[in-house]
Amino acid sequence: MYSTVMLLLITIRLDDMERLRQQDKDTINRQNQQLADYESELNMLRRRVNGLEQDLEHEASENKRLQEELFKTVQVRECGICI
C-alpha cells in the first residue's frame, strides 16, 4: 500500500494538475473570445472595404460622365469658333 507521504505527494500533484487544467481552460476561453473579436472586426472591415469599392465605382462612373460632358462642350465650342 501507499504510505501517507506518497498519498500526500499524489494529492499535491493532482491539485497541481487540476490547477493547470483550469488555467488551460481559461486560456482557451480567452483565446476563443479574442478569435471571435478578431472575426467580428474582420467582417466589419470587409463591409467597409466593400462600401469603399462601391464608392470608388460610383466616383469613376461620375468622373467618366463628366469627362464626356467636358469633351462634348469643348467640341461644341471649337466647332462654334470654326464657323
Protein backbone atom coordinates (compact mmCIF):
# COMPACT_ATOMS: atom_id res chain seq x y z
CA MET A 1 0.00 0.00 0.00
CA TYR A 2 0.91 3.64 -0.37
CA SER A 3 2.41 5.48 2.54
CA THR A 4 0.91 8.68 3.85
CA VAL A 5 3.74 10.70 2.31
CA MET A 6 3.18 9.09 -1.07
CA LEU A 7 -0.56 9.81 -0.89
CA LEU A 8 0.19 13.40 0.06
CA LEU A 9 2.54 13.78 -2.92
CA ILE A 10 -0.05 12.28 -5.26
CA THR A 11 -2.72 14.61 -3.85
CA ILE A 12 -0.44 17.63 -4.31
CA ARG A 13 0.35 16.56 -7.86
CA LEU A 14 -3.35 16.06 -8.60
CA ASP A 15 -4.13 19.53 -7.23
CA ASP A 16 -1.38 21.00 -9.42
CA MET A 17 -2.73 19.23 -12.48
CA GLU A 18 -6.27 20.43 -11.77
CA ARG A 19 -4.99 23.99 -11.34
CA LEU A 20 -3.06 23.76 -14.62
CA ARG A 21 -6.11 22.29 -16.34
CA GLN A 22 -8.21 25.22 -15.15
CA GLN A 23 -5.56 27.66 -16.34
CA ASP A 24 -5.57 25.95 -19.74
CA LYS A 25 -9.37 26.17 -19.89
CA ASP A 26 -9.21 29.88 -19.00
CA THR A 27 -6.56 30.45 -21.68
CA ILE A 28 -8.66 28.63 -24.26
CA ASN A 29 -11.74 30.67 -23.33
CA ARG A 30 -9.77 33.93 -23.61
CA GLN A 31 -8.32 32.89 -26.97
CA ASN A 32 -11.76 31.87 -28.26
CA GLN A 33 -13.12 35.28 -27.24
CA GLN A 34 -10.18 37.02 -28.87
CA LEU A 35 -10.73 35.00 -32.04
CA ALA A 36 -14.42 35.95 -32.06
CA ASP A 37 -13.45 39.61 -31.61
CA TYR A 38 -10.97 39.38 -34.49
CA GLU A 39 -13.56 37.71 -36.72
CA SER A 40 -16.06 40.43 -35.90
CA GLU A 41 -13.53 43.14 -36.70
CA LEU A 42 -12.57 41.37 -39.93
CA ASN A 43 -16.22 41.23 -41.02
CA MET A 44 -16.63 44.91 -40.22
CA LEU A 45 -13.53 45.75 -42.26
CA ARG A 46 -14.78 43.64 -45.16
CA ARG A 47 -18.06 45.56 -45.15
CA ARG A 48 -16.14 48.83 -45.04
CA VAL A 49 -13.90 47.79 -47.96
CA ASN A 50 -16.98 46.72 -49.91
CA GLY A 51 -18.57 50.12 -49.29
CA LEU A 52 -15.41 51.93 -50.35
CA GLU A 53 -15.19 49.84 -53.52
CA GLN A 54 -18.79 50.76 -54.35
CA ASP A 55 -17.99 54.44 -53.71
CA LEU A 56 -14.97 54.13 -55.99
CA GLU A 57 -17.07 52.60 -58.77
CA HIS A 58 -19.62 55.40 -58.41
CA GLU A 59 -16.92 58.09 -58.47
CA ALA A 60 -15.22 56.50 -61.50
CA SER A 61 -18.56 56.40 -63.32
CA GLU A 62 -19.30 60.02 -62.40
CA ASN A 63 -15.80 61.05 -63.45
CA LYS A 64 -16.24 59.36 -66.83
CA ARG A 65 -19.60 61.07 -67.32
CA LEU A 66 -18.13 64.49 -66.50
CA GLN A 67 -15.17 63.92 -68.81
CA GLU A 68 -17.53 63.03 -71.65
CA GLU A 69 -19.60 66.15 -70.96
CA LEU A 70 -16.47 68.28 -70.92
CA PHE A 71 -15.27 66.74 -74.17
CA LYS A 72 -18.63 67.45 -75.82
CA THR A 73 -18.61 71.02 -74.52
CA VAL A 74 -15.09 71.60 -75.85
CA GLN A 75 -16.08 70.14 -79.22
CA VAL A 76 -19.16 72.38 -79.43
CA ARG A 77 -17.13 75.47 -78.55
CA GLU A 78 -14.39 74.58 -81.04
CA CYS A 79 -17.00 73.96 -83.71
CA GLY A 80 -18.69 77.26 -82.87
CA ILE A 81 -15.39 79.12 -83.17
CA CYS A 82 -14.69 77.50 -86.56
CA ILE A 83 -17.96 78.73 -88.01
